[in-house]
Amino acid sequence: FLLRGRCGAALAMAQEICQYIDKKASPIVDPMVVATVLAKPELPVPFMMRWLMQNFNSAKEFMATTNCGEAELLKMDIQKLQAEIQELQDQLAPRPATAEKAEQEAQ
């Protein structure tokens, strides 16, 4: 009788853990692990932190409250701005004239 009670409690706890993993942890952790494995970063922890902040607003909001998180957010902002600058520079760069345009200009 005592053993049945313990097994029942253990089973209920195991089911609760499995439900938590299925509903809460796996939807976050599984794609993060896949992204990490595909990227193969030299330092996986900072990569995972950035990935979480890029994919989950709650992680971004939480990290903004820490010094480390704030620095990481600023680094992400810098990368975005650098990409924007490069895109704008590419748009402003003179494009090579096509053969047809070169002929028209020569006449």
PDB file of N, CA and C in Angstrom:
ATOM      1  N   PHE A   1       0.818  -1.194   0.000  1.00  0.00           N
ATOM      2  CA  PHE A   1       0.000   0.000   0.000  1.00  0.00           C
ATOM      3  C   PHE A   1       0.865   1.264   0.000  1.00  0.00           C
ATOM      4  N   LEU A   2       1.900   1.313   0.839  1.00  0.00           N
ATOM      5  CA  LEU A   2       2.793   2.467   0.877  1.00  0.00           C
ATOM      6  C   LEU A   2       3.535   2.639  -0.441  1.00  0.00           C
ATOM      7  N   LEU A   3       3.970   1.532  -1.018  1.00  0.00           N
ATOM      8  CA  LEU A   3       4.716   1.576  -2.266  1.00  0.00           C
ATOM      9  C   LEU A   3       3.854   2.135  -3.395  1.00  0.00           C
ATOM     10  N   ARG A   4       2.580   1.764  -3.410  1.00  0.00           N
ATOM     11  CA  ARG A   4       1.675   2.262  -4.445  1.00  0.00           C
ATOM     12  C   ARG A   4       1.535   3.773  -4.368  1.00  0.00           C
ATOM     13  N   GLY A   5       1.452   4.290  -3.191  1.00  0.00           N
ATOM     14  CA  GLY A   5       1.336   5.740  -3.013  1.00  0.00           C
ATOM     15  C   GLY A   5       2.569   6.469  -3.516  1.00  0.00           C
ATOM     16  N   ARG A   6       3.728   5.907  -3.232  1.00  0.00           N
ATOM     17  CA  ARG A   6       4.979   6.526  -3.689  1.00  0.00           C
ATOM     18  C   ARG A   6       5.096   6.465  -5.207  1.00  0.00           C
ATOM     19  N   CYS A   7       4.748   5.339  -5.787  1.00  0.00           N
ATOM     20  CA  CYS A   7       4.815   5.187  -7.244  1.00  0.00           C
ATOM     21  C   CYS A   7       3.840   6.136  -7.925  1.00  0.00           C
ATOM     22  N   GLY A   8       2.662   6.257  -7.345  1.00  0.00           N
ATOM     23  CA  GLY A   8       1.662   7.162  -7.916  1.00  0.00           C
ATOM     24  C   GLY A   8       2.146   8.601  -7.887  1.00  0.00           C
ATOM     25  N   ALA A   9       2.752   9.007  -6.782  1.00  0.00           N
ATOM     26  CA  ALA A   9       3.274  10.368  -6.667  1.00  0.00           C
ATOM     27  C   ALA A   9       4.426  10.586  -7.643  1.00  0.00           C
ATOM     28  N   ALA A  10       5.288   9.588  -7.770  1.00  0.00           N
ATOM     29  CA  ALA A  10       6.417   9.694  -8.696  1.00  0.00           C
ATOM     30  C   ALA A  10       5.928   9.771 -10.135  1.00  0.00           C
ATOM     31  N   LEU A  11       4.909   8.981 -10.466  1.00  0.00           N
ATOM     32  CA  LEU A  11       4.349   8.994 -11.812  1.00  0.00           C
ATOM     33  C   LEU A  11       3.727  10.351 -12.122  1.00  0.00           C
ATOM     34  N   ALA A  12       2.987  10.892 -11.167  1.00  0.00           N
ATOM     35  CA  ALA A  12       2.367  12.200 -11.359  1.00  0.00           C
ATOM     36  C   ALA A  12       3.438  13.272 -11.563  1.00  0.00           C
ATOM     37  N   MET A  13       4.504  13.182 -10.781  1.00  0.00           N
ATOM     38  CA  MET A  13       5.591  14.148 -10.907  1.00  0.00           C
ATOM     39  C   MET A  13       6.276  14.011 -12.265  1.00  0.00           C
ATOM     40  N   ALA A  14       6.502  12.775 -12.708  1.00  0.00           N
ATOM     41  CA  ALA A  14       7.128  12.532 -14.006  1.00  0.00           C
ATOM     42  C   ALA A  14       6.261  13.084 -15.133  1.00  0.00           C
ATOM     43  N   GLN A  15       4.959  12.900 -15.038  1.00  0.00           N
ATOM     44  CA  GLN A  15       4.049  13.422 -16.055  1.00  0.00           C
ATOM     45  C   GLN A  15       4.073  14.948 -16.073  1.00  0.00           C
ATOM     46  N   GLU A  16       4.121  15.536 -14.896  1.00  0.00           N
ATOM     47  CA  GLU A  16       4.172  16.998 -14.793  1.00  0.00           C
ATOM     48  C   GLU A  16       5.458  17.534 -15.433  1.00  0.00           C
ATOM     49  N   ILE A  17       6.556  16.847 -15.173  1.00  0.00           N
ATOM     50  CA  ILE A  17       7.844  17.248 -15.753  1.00  0.00           C
ATOM     51  C   ILE A  17       7.799  17.122 -17.274  1.00  0.00           C
ATOM     52  N   CYS A  18       7.268  16.022 -17.763  1.00  0.00           N
ATOM     53  CA  CYS A  18       7.166  15.809 -19.211  1.00  0.00           C
ATOM     54  C   CYS A  18       6.289  16.872 -19.866  1.00  0.00           C
ATOM     55  N   GLN A  19       5.190  17.218 -19.226  1.00  0.00           N
ATOM     56  CA  GLN A  19       4.311  18.253 -19.766  1.00  0.00           C
ATOM     57  C   GLN A  19       5.025  19.600 -19.819  1.00  0.00           C
ATOM     58  N   TYR A  20       5.766  19.903 -18.770  1.00  0.00           N
ATOM     59  CA  TYR A  20       6.497  21.171 -18.738  1.00  0.00           C
ATOM     60  C   TYR A  20       7.527  21.216 -19.866  1.00  0.00           C
ATOM     61  N   ILE A  21       8.249  20.124 -20.021  1.00  0.00           N
ATOM     62  CA  ILE A  21       9.259  20.067 -21.082  1.00  0.00           C
ATOM     63  C   ILE A  21       8.601  20.244 -22.445  1.00  0.00           C
ATOM     64  N   ASP A  22       7.515  19.516 -22.691  1.00  0.00           N
ATOM     65  CA  ASP A  22       6.831  19.580 -23.982  1.00  0.00           C
ATOM     66  C   ASP A  22       6.239  20.956 -24.267  1.00  0.00           C
ATOM     67  N   LYS A  23       5.638  21.577 -23.260  1.00  0.00           N
ATOM     68  CA  LYS A  23       4.924  22.840 -23.475  1.00  0.00           C
ATOM     69  C   LYS A  23       5.810  24.073 -23.352  1.00  0.00           C
ATOM     70  N   LYS A  24       6.780  24.045 -22.460  1.00  0.00           N
ATOM     71  CA  LYS A  24       7.551  25.259 -22.172  1.00  0.00           C
ATOM     72  C   LYS A  24       8.991  25.209 -22.682  1.00  0.00           C
ATOM     73  N   ALA A  25       9.712  24.164 -22.340  1.00  0.00           N
ATOM     74  CA  ALA A  25      11.152  24.144 -22.624  1.00  0.00           C
ATOM     75  C   ALA A  25      11.475  23.787 -24.078  1.00  0.00           C
ATOM     76  N   SER A  26      10.914  22.716 -24.582  1.00  0.00           N
ATOM     77  CA  SER A  26      11.262  22.247 -25.930  1.00  0.00           C
ATOM     78  C   SER A  26      11.014  23.279 -27.028  1.00  0.00           C
ATOM     79  N   PRO A  27       9.895  24.008 -27.018  1.00  0.00           N
ATOM     80  CA  PRO A  27       9.691  24.994 -28.084  1.00  0.00           C
ATOM     81  C   PRO A  27      10.765  26.086 -28.123  1.00  0.00           C
ATOM     82  N   ILE A  28      11.441  26.299 -27.011  1.00  0.00           N
ATOM     83  CA  ILE A  28      12.502  27.305 -26.965  1.00  0.00           C
ATOM     84  C   ILE A  28      13.860  26.658 -27.197  1.00  0.00           C
ATOM     85  N   VAL A  29      14.127  25.609 -26.459  1.00  0.00           N
ATOM     86  CA  VAL A  29      15.462  25.008 -26.457  1.00  0.00           C
ATOM     87  C   VAL A  29      15.766  24.280 -27.767  1.00  0.00           C
ATOM     88  N   ASP A  30      14.825  23.539 -28.301  1.00  0.00           N
ATOM     89  CA  ASP A  30      15.102  22.748 -29.507  1.00  0.00           C
ATOM     90  C   ASP A  30      15.568  23.608 -30.683  1.00  0.00           C
ATOM     91  N   PRO A  31      14.834  24.684 -31.059  1.00  0.00           N
ATOM     92  CA  PRO A  31      15.317  25.494 -32.180  1.00  0.00           C
ATOM     93  C   PRO A  31      16.633  26.213 -31.870  1.00  0.00           C
ATOM     94  N   MET A  32      16.839  26.568 -30.602  1.00  0.00           N
ATOM     95  CA  MET A  32      18.090  27.220 -30.221  1.00  0.00           C
ATOM     96  C   MET A  32      19.270  26.261 -30.408  1.00  0.00           C
ATOM     97  N   VAL A  33      19.082  25.016 -30.013  1.00  0.00           N
ATOM     98  CA  VAL A  33      20.145  24.019 -30.169  1.00  0.00           C
ATOM     99  C   VAL A  33      20.426  23.783 -31.653  1.00  0.00           C
ATOM    100  N   VAL A  34      19.386  23.697 -32.460  1.00  0.00           N
ATOM    101  CA  VAL A  34      19.572  23.503 -33.904  1.00  0.00           C
ATOM    102  C   VAL A  34      20.369  24.674 -34.484  1.00  0.00           C
ATOM    103  N   ALA A  35      19.978  25.903 -34.136  1.00  0.00           N
ATOM    104  CA  ALA A  35      20.689  27.085 -34.637  1.00  0.00           C
ATOM    105  C   ALA A  35      22.146  27.075 -34.195  1.00  0.00           C
ATOM    106  N   THR A  36      22.391  26.672 -32.969  1.00  0.00           N
ATOM    107  CA  THR A  36      23.755  26.628 -32.440  1.00  0.00           C
ATOM    108  C   THR A  36      24.585  25.585 -33.172  1.00  0.00           C
ATOM    109  N   VAL A  37      24.013  24.422 -33.392  1.00  0.00           N
ATOM    110  CA  VAL A  37      24.736  23.345 -34.083  1.00  0.00           C
ATOM    111  C   VAL A  37      25.032  23.744 -35.530  1.00  0.00           C
ATOM    112  N   LEU A  38      24.074  24.392 -36.181  1.00  0.00           N
ATOM    113  CA  LEU A  38      24.294  24.809 -37.567  1.00  0.00           C
ATOM    114  C   LEU A  38      25.355  25.905 -37.663  1.00  0.00           C
ATOM    115  N   ALA A  39      25.343  26.841 -36.713  1.00  0.00           N
ATOM    116  CA  ALA A  39      26.296  27.955 -36.738  1.00  0.00           C
ATOM    117  C   ALA A  39      27.683  27.550 -36.241  1.00  0.00           C
ATOM    118  N   LYS A  40      27.730  26.567 -35.377  1.00  0.00           N
ATOM    119  CA  LYS A  40      28.990  26.093 -34.782  1.00  0.00           C
ATOM    120  C   LYS A  40      29.847  27.240 -34.242  1.00  0.00           C
ATOM    121  N   PRO A  41      29.290  28.079 -33.378  1.00  0.00           N
ATOM    122  CA  PRO A  41      30.083  29.197 -32.863  1.00  0.00           C
ATOM    123  C   PRO A  41      31.195  28.712 -31.942  1.00  0.00           C
ATOM    124  N   GLU A  42      32.286  29.450 -31.945  1.00  0.00           N
ATOM    125  CA  GLU A  42      33.407  29.121 -31.068  1.00  0.00           C
ATOM    126  C   GLU A  42      32.973  29.235 -29.607  1.00  0.00           C
ATOM    127  N   LEU A  43      32.149  30.243 -29.326  1.00  0.00           N
ATOM    128  CA  LEU A  43      31.628  30.458 -27.970  1.00  0.00           C
ATOM    129  C   LEU A  43      30.112  30.289 -28.015  1.00  0.00           C
ATOM    130  N   PRO A  44      29.599  29.116 -27.689  1.00  0.00           N
ATOM    131  CA  PRO A  44      28.169  28.861 -27.839  1.00  0.00           C
ATOM    132  C   PRO A  44      27.274  29.656 -26.886  1.00  0.00           C
ATOM    133  N   VAL A  45      27.731  29.950 -25.688  1.00  0.00           N
ATOM    134  CA  VAL A  45      26.853  30.635 -24.726  1.00  0.00           C
ATOM    135  C   VAL A  45      26.472  32.035 -25.212  1.00  0.00           C
ATOM    136  N   PRO A  46      27.421  32.882 -25.623  1.00  0.00           N
ATOM    137  CA  PRO A  46      27.009  34.193 -26.142  1.00  0.00           C
ATOM    138  C   PRO A  46      26.112  34.066 -27.377  1.00  0.00           C
ATOM    139  N   PHE A  47      26.403  33.075 -28.219  1.00  0.00           N
ATOM    140  CA  PHE A  47      25.559  32.850 -29.396  1.00  0.00           C
ATOM    141  C   PHE A  47      24.126  32.545 -28.970  1.00  0.00           C
ATOM    142  N   MET A  48      23.986  31.664 -27.982  1.00  0.00           N
ATOM    143  CA  MET A  48      22.652  31.288 -27.507  1.00  0.00           C
ATOM    144  C   MET A  48      21.936  32.480 -26.879  1.00  0.00           C
ATOM    145  N   MET A  49      22.676  33.300 -26.149  1.00  0.00           N
ATOM    146  CA  MET A  49      22.058  34.487 -25.549  1.00  0.00           C
ATOM    147  C   MET A  49      21.543  35.423 -26.641  1.00  0.00           C
ATOM    148  N   ARG A  50      22.366  35.647 -27.667  1.00  0.00           N
ATOM    149  CA  ARG A  50      21.931  36.503 -28.776  1.00  0.00           C
ATOM    150  C   ARG A  50      20.723  35.890 -29.472  1.00  0.00           C
ATOM    151  N   TRP A  51      20.769  34.579 -29.682  1.00  0.00           N
ATOM    152  CA  TRP A  51      19.666  33.903 -30.361  1.00  0.00           C
ATOM    153  C   TRP A  51      18.371  34.079 -29.570  1.00  0.00           C
ATOM    154  N   LEU A  52      18.448  33.891 -28.269  1.00  0.00           N
ATOM    155  CA  LEU A  52      17.255  34.062 -27.431  1.00  0.00           C
ATOM    156  C   LEU A  52      16.718  35.482 -27.539  1.00  0.00           C
ATOM    157  N   MET A  53      17.615  36.464 -27.484  1.00  0.00           N
ATOM    158  CA  MET A  53      17.168  37.858 -27.552  1.00  0.00           C
ATOM    159  C   MET A  53      16.574  38.195 -28.912  1.00  0.00           C
ATOM    160  N   GLN A  54      17.097  37.588 -29.970  1.00  0.00           N
ATOM    161  CA  GLN A  54      16.585  37.854 -31.312  1.00  0.00           C
ATOM    162  C   GLN A  54      15.244  37.171 -31.567  1.00  0.00           C
ATOM    163  N   ASN A  55      14.972  36.113 -30.845  1.00  0.00           N
ATOM    164  CA  ASN A  55      13.778  35.321 -31.132  1.00  0.00           C
ATOM    165  C   ASN A  55      12.678  35.406 -30.084  1.00  0.00           C
ATOM    166  N   PHE A  56      12.984  35.957 -28.926  1.00  0.00           N
ATOM    167  CA  PHE A  56      11.983  36.030 -27.862  1.00  0.00           C
ATOM    168  C   PHE A  56      12.057  37.385 -27.172  1.00  0.00           C
ATOM    169  N   ASN A  57      10.983  38.157 -27.300  1.00  0.00           N
ATOM    170  CA  ASN A  57      10.955  39.479 -26.673  1.00  0.00           C
ATOM    171  C   ASN A  57      11.150  39.402 -25.171  1.00  0.00           C
ATOM    172  N   SER A  58      10.627  38.368 -24.547  1.00  0.00           N
ATOM    173  CA  SER A  58      10.771  38.252 -23.093  1.00  0.00           C
ATOM    174  C   SER A  58      12.241  38.117 -22.708  1.00  0.00           C
ATOM    175  N   ALA A  59      13.025  37.410 -23.507  1.00  0.00           N
ATOM    176  CA  ALA A  59      14.459  37.279 -23.235  1.00  0.00           C
ATOM    177  C   ALA A  59      15.152  38.615 -23.447  1.00  0.00           C
ATOM    178  N   LYS A  60      14.758  39.313 -24.497  1.00  0.00           N
ATOM    179  CA  LYS A  60      15.346  40.623 -24.783  1.00  0.00           C
ATOM    180  C   LYS A  60      15.042  41.600 -23.657  1.00  0.00           C
ATOM    181  N   GLU A  61      13.802  41.607 -23.197  1.00  0.00           N
ATOM    182  CA  GLU A  61      13.407  42.497 -22.103  1.00  0.00           C
ATOM    183  C   GLU A  61      14.150  42.157 -20.822  1.00  0.00           C
ATOM    184  N   PHE A  62      14.280  40.875 -20.527  1.00  0.00           N
ATOM    185  CA  PHE A  62      14.991  40.470 -19.317  1.00  0.00           C
ATOM    186  C   PHE A  62      16.459  40.860 -19.400  1.00  0.00           C
ATOM    187  N   MET A  63      17.083  40.569 -20.537  1.00  0.00           N
ATOM    188  CA  MET A  63      18.504  40.857 -20.675  1.00  0.00           C
ATOM    189  C   MET A  63      18.787  42.353 -20.619  1.00  0.00           C
ATOM    190  N   ALA A  64      17.828  43.162 -21.018  1.00  0.00           N
ATOM    191  CA  ALA A  64      18.014  44.613 -20.961  1.00  0.00           C
ATOM    192  C   ALA A  64      18.141  45.104 -19.523  1.00  0.00           C
ATOM    193  N   THR A  65      17.692  44.305 -18.572  1.00  0.00           N
ATOM    194  CA  THR A  65      17.769  44.708 -17.164  1.00  0.00           C
ATOM    195  C   THR A  65      19.112  44.359 -16.536  1.00  0.00           C
ATOM    196  N   THR A  66      19.977  43.660 -17.279  1.00  0.00           N
ATOM    197  CA  THR A  66      21.288  43.282 -16.743  1.00  0.00           C
ATOM    198  C   THR A  66      22.374  44.030 -17.509  1.00  0.00           C
ATOM    199  N   ASN A  67      23.504  44.270 -16.868  1.00  0.00           N
ATOM    200  CA  ASN A  67      24.613  44.949 -17.549  1.00  0.00           C
ATOM    201  C   ASN A  67      25.088  44.155 -18.752  1.00  0.00           C
ATOM    202  N   CYS A  68      25.228  42.868 -18.578  1.00  0.00           N
ATOM    203  CA  CYS A  68      25.677  41.996 -19.664  1.00  0.00           C
ATOM    204  C   CYS A  68      24.673  42.035 -20.809  1.00  0.00           C
ATOM    205  N   GLY A  69      23.409  41.944 -20.476  1.00  0.00           N
ATOM    206  CA  GLY A  69      22.367  41.956 -21.492  1.00  0.00           C
ATOM    207  C   GLY A  69      22.304  43.277 -22.222  1.00  0.00           C
ATOM    208  N   GLU A  70      22.486  44.363 -21.488  1.00  0.00           N
ATOM    209  CA  GLU A  70      22.462  45.688 -22.108  1.00  0.00           C
ATOM    210  C   GLU A  70      23.602  45.827 -23.114  1.00  0.00           C
ATOM    211  N   ALA A  71      24.779  45.352 -22.739  1.00  0.00           N
ATOM    212  CA  ALA A  71      25.925  45.403 -23.652  1.00  0.00           C
ATOM    213  C   ALA A  71      25.658  44.565 -24.899  1.00  0.00           C
ATOM    214  N   GLU A  72      25.078  43.409 -24.722  1.00  0.00           N
ATOM    215  CA  GLU A  72      24.785  42.529 -25.857  1.00  0.00           C
ATOM    216  C   GLU A  72      23.746  43.172 -26.770  1.00  0.00           C
ATOM    217  N   LEU A  73      22.739  43.815 -26.190  1.00  0.00           N
ATOM    218  CA  LEU A  73      21.732  44.507 -26.995  1.00  0.00           C
ATOM    219  C   LEU A  73      22.373  45.638 -27.794  1.00  0.00           C
ATOM    220  N   LEU A  74      23.292  46.362 -27.187  1.00  0.00           N
ATOM    221  CA  LEU A  74      23.983  47.435 -27.895  1.00  0.00           C
ATOM    222  C   LEU A  74      24.819  46.877 -29.044  1.00  0.00           C
ATOM    223  N   LYS A  75      25.464  45.744 -28.831  1.00  0.00           N
ATOM    224  CA  LYS A  75      26.231  45.105 -29.904  1.00  0.00           C
ATOM    225  C   LYS A  75      25.311  44.720 -31.061  1.00  0.00           C
ATOM    226  N   MET A  76      24.134  44.197 -30.731  1.00  0.00           N
ATOM    227  CA  MET A  76      23.180  43.820 -31.775  1.00  0.00           C
ATOM    228  C   MET A  76      22.723  45.061 -32.540  1.00  0.00           C
ATOM    229  N   ASP A  77      22.471  46.154 -31.818  1.00  0.00           N
ATOM    230  CA  ASP A  77      22.073  47.405 -32.465  1.00  0.00           C
ATOM    231  C   ASP A  77      23.171  47.904 -33.399  1.00  0.00           C
ATOM    232  N   ILE A  78      24.414  47.821 -32.953  1.00  0.00           N
ATOM    233  CA  ILE A  78      25.550  48.251 -33.781  1.00  0.00           C
ATOM    234  C   ILE A  78      25.608  47.427 -35.062  1.00  0.00           C
ATOM    235  N   GLN A  79      25.430  46.113 -34.946  1.00  0.00           N
ATOM    236  CA  GLN A  79      25.461  45.251 -36.131  1.00  0.00           C
ATOM    237  C   GLN A  79      24.347  45.624 -37.107  1.00  0.00           C
ATOM    238  N   LYS A  80      23.153  45.892 -36.581  1.00  0.00           N
ATOM    239  CA  LYS A  80      22.034  46.280 -37.446  1.00  0.00           C
ATOM    240  C   LYS A  80      22.333  47.596 -38.151  1.00  0.00           C
ATOM    241  N   LEU A  81      22.859  48.564 -37.399  1.00  0.00           N
ATOM    242  CA  LEU A  81      23.169  49.865 -37.982  1.00  0.00           C
ATOM    243  C   LEU A  81      24.280  49.755 -39.022  1.00  0.00           C
ATOM    244  N   GLN A  82      25.283  48.931 -38.766  1.00  0.00           N
ATOM    245  CA  GLN A  82      26.354  48.737 -39.740  1.00  0.00           C
ATOM    246  C   GLN A  82      25.818  48.110 -41.023  1.00  0.00           C
ATOM    247  N   ALA A  83      24.899  47.172 -40.879  1.00  0.00           N
ATOM    248  CA  ALA A  83      24.290  46.551 -42.060  1.00  0.00           C
ATOM    249  C   ALA A  83      23.471  47.581 -42.834  1.00  0.00           C
ATOM    250  N   GLU A  84      22.755  48.443 -42.120  1.00  0.00           N
ATOM    251  CA  GLU A  84      21.973  49.508 -42.754  1.00  0.00           C
ATOM    252  C   GLU A  84      22.882  50.471 -43.503  1.00  0.00           C
ATOM    253  N   ILE A  85      23.984  50.865 -42.865  1.00  0.00           N
ATOM    254  CA  ILE A  85      24.942  51.776 -43.498  1.00  0.00           C
ATOM    255  C   ILE A  85      25.486  51.154 -44.774  1.00  0.00           C
ATOM    256  N   GLN A  86      25.854  49.881 -44.708  1.00  0.00           N
ATOM    257  CA  GLN A  86      26.390  49.198 -45.884  1.00  0.00           C
ATOM    258  C   GLN A  86      25.363  49.163 -47.005  1.00  0.00           C
ATOM    259  N   GLU A  87      24.120  48.896 -46.652  1.00  0.00           N
ATOM    260  CA  GLU A  87      23.053  48.852 -47.651  1.00  0.00           C
ATOM    261  C   GLU A  87      22.881  50.218 -48.311  1.00  0.00           C
ATOM    262  N   LEU A  88      22.903  51.278 -47.521  1.00  0.00           N
ATOM    263  CA  LEU A  88      22.766  52.629 -48.067  1.00  0.00           C
ATOM    264  C   LEU A  88      23.970  53.002 -48.928  1.00  0.00           C
ATOM    265  N   GLN A  89      25.163  52.613 -48.501  1.00  0.00           N
ATOM    266  CA  GLN A  89      26.360  52.879 -49.300  1.00  0.00           C
ATOM    267  C   GLN A  89      26.292  52.145 -50.634  1.00  0.00           C
ATOM    268  N   ASP A  90      25.785  50.927 -50.605  1.00  0.00           N
ATOM    269  CA  ASP A  90      25.639  50.161 -51.845  1.00  0.00           C
ATOM    270  C   ASP A  90      24.659  50.840 -52.791  1.00  0.00           C
ATOM    271  N   GLN A  91      23.606  51.426 -52.229  1.00  0.00           N
ATOM    272  CA  GLN A  91      22.619  52.118 -53.059  1.00  0.00           C
ATOM    273  C   GLN A  91      23.195  53.395 -53.669  1.00  0.00           C
ATOM    274  N   LEU A  92      24.082  54.059 -52.944  1.00  0.00           N
ATOM    275  CA  LEU A  92      24.666  55.309 -53.423  1.00  0.00           C
ATOM    276  C   LEU A  92      25.856  55.103 -54.353  1.00  0.00           C
ATOM    277  N   ALA A  93      26.466  53.947 -54.312  1.00  0.00           N
ATOM    278  CA  ALA A  93      27.655  53.679 -55.121  1.00  0.00           C
ATOM    279  C   ALA A  93      27.302  53.757 -56.599  1.00  0.00           C
ATOM    280  N   PRO A  94      28.200  54.373 -57.391  1.00  0.00           N
ATOM    281  CA  PRO A  94      27.921  54.437 -58.836  1.00  0.00           C
ATOM    282  C   PRO A  94      27.913  53.039 -59.432  1.00  0.00           C
ATOM    283  N   ARG A  95      26.928  52.825 -60.239  1.00  0.00           N
ATOM    284  CA  ARG A  95      26.802  51.515 -60.875  1.00  0.00           C
ATOM    285  C   ARG A  95      27.538  51.545 -62.208  1.00  0.00           C
ATOM    286  N   PRO A  96      28.178  50.456 -62.587  1.00  0.00           N
ATOM    287  CA  PRO A  96      28.877  50.434 -63.882  1.00  0.00           C
ATOM    288  C   PRO A  96      27.876  50.587 -65.022  1.00  0.00           C
ATOM    289  N   ALA A  97      28.244  51.410 -65.969  1.00  0.00           N
ATOM    290  CA  ALA A  97      27.353  51.654 -67.105  1.00  0.00           C
ATOM    291  C   ALA A  97      27.289  50.418 -67.984  1.00  0.00           C
ATOM    292  N   THR A  98      26.121  50.176 -68.503  1.00  0.00           N
ATOM    293  CA  THR A  98      25.978  49.053 -69.431  1.00  0.00           C
ATOM    294  C   THR A  98      26.565  49.464 -70.776  1.00  0.00           C
ATOM    295  N   ALA A  99      26.764  48.536 -71.640  1.00  0.00           N
ATOM    296  CA  ALA A  99      27.334  48.812 -72.959  1.00  0.00           C
ATOM    297  C   ALA A  99      26.448  49.785 -73.726  1.00  0.00           C
ATOM    298  N   GLU A 100      25.140  49.637 -73.605  1.00  0.00           N
ATOM    299  CA  GLU A 100      24.203  50.508 -74.313  1.00  0.00           C
ATOM    300  C   GLU A 100      24.328  51.944 -73.824  1.00  0.00           C
ATOM    301  N   LYS A 101      24.403  52.139 -72.522  1.00  0.00           N
ATOM    302  CA  LYS A 101      24.539  53.481 -71.966  1.00  0.00           C
ATOM    303  C   LYS A 101      25.871  54.095 -72.380  1.00  0.00           C
ATOM    304  N   ALA A 102      26.899  53.292 -72.397  1.00  0.00           N
ATOM    305  CA  ALA A 102      28.218  53.782 -72.791  1.00  0.00           C
ATOM    306  C   ALA A 102      28.194  54.269 -74.236  1.00  0.00           C
ATOM    307  N   GLU A 103      27.491  53.553 -75.115  1.00  0.00           N
ATOM    308  CA  GLU A 103      27.381  53.958 -76.516  1.00  0.00           C
ATOM    309  C   GLU A 103      26.618  55.261 -76.640  1.00  0.00           C
ATOM    310  N   GLN A 104      25.518  55.408 -75.889  1.00  0.00           N
ATOM    311  CA  GLN A 104      24.715  56.628 -75.943  1.00  0.00           C
ATOM    312  C   GLN A 104      25.522  57.828 -75.466  1.00  0.00           C
ATOM    313  N   GLU A 105      26.306  57.626 -74.447  1.00  0.00           N
ATOM    314  CA  GLU A 105      27.110  58.716 -73.915  1.00  0.00           C
ATOM    315  C   GLU A 105      28.218  59.098 -74.888  1.00  0.00           C
ATOM    316  N   ALA A 106      28.717  58.142 -75.637  1.00  0.00           N
ATOM    317  CA  ALA A 106      29.794  58.401 -76.588  1.00  0.00           C
ATOM    318  C   ALA A 106      29.300  59.224 -77.769  1.00  0.00           C
ATOM    319  N   GLN A 107      28.034  59.147 -78.103  1.00  0.00           N
ATOM    320  CA  GLN A 107      27.493  59.864 -79.273  1.00  0.00           C
ATOM    321  C   GLN A 107      27.221  61.255 -78.943  1.00  0.00           C
TER     322      GLN A 107
END
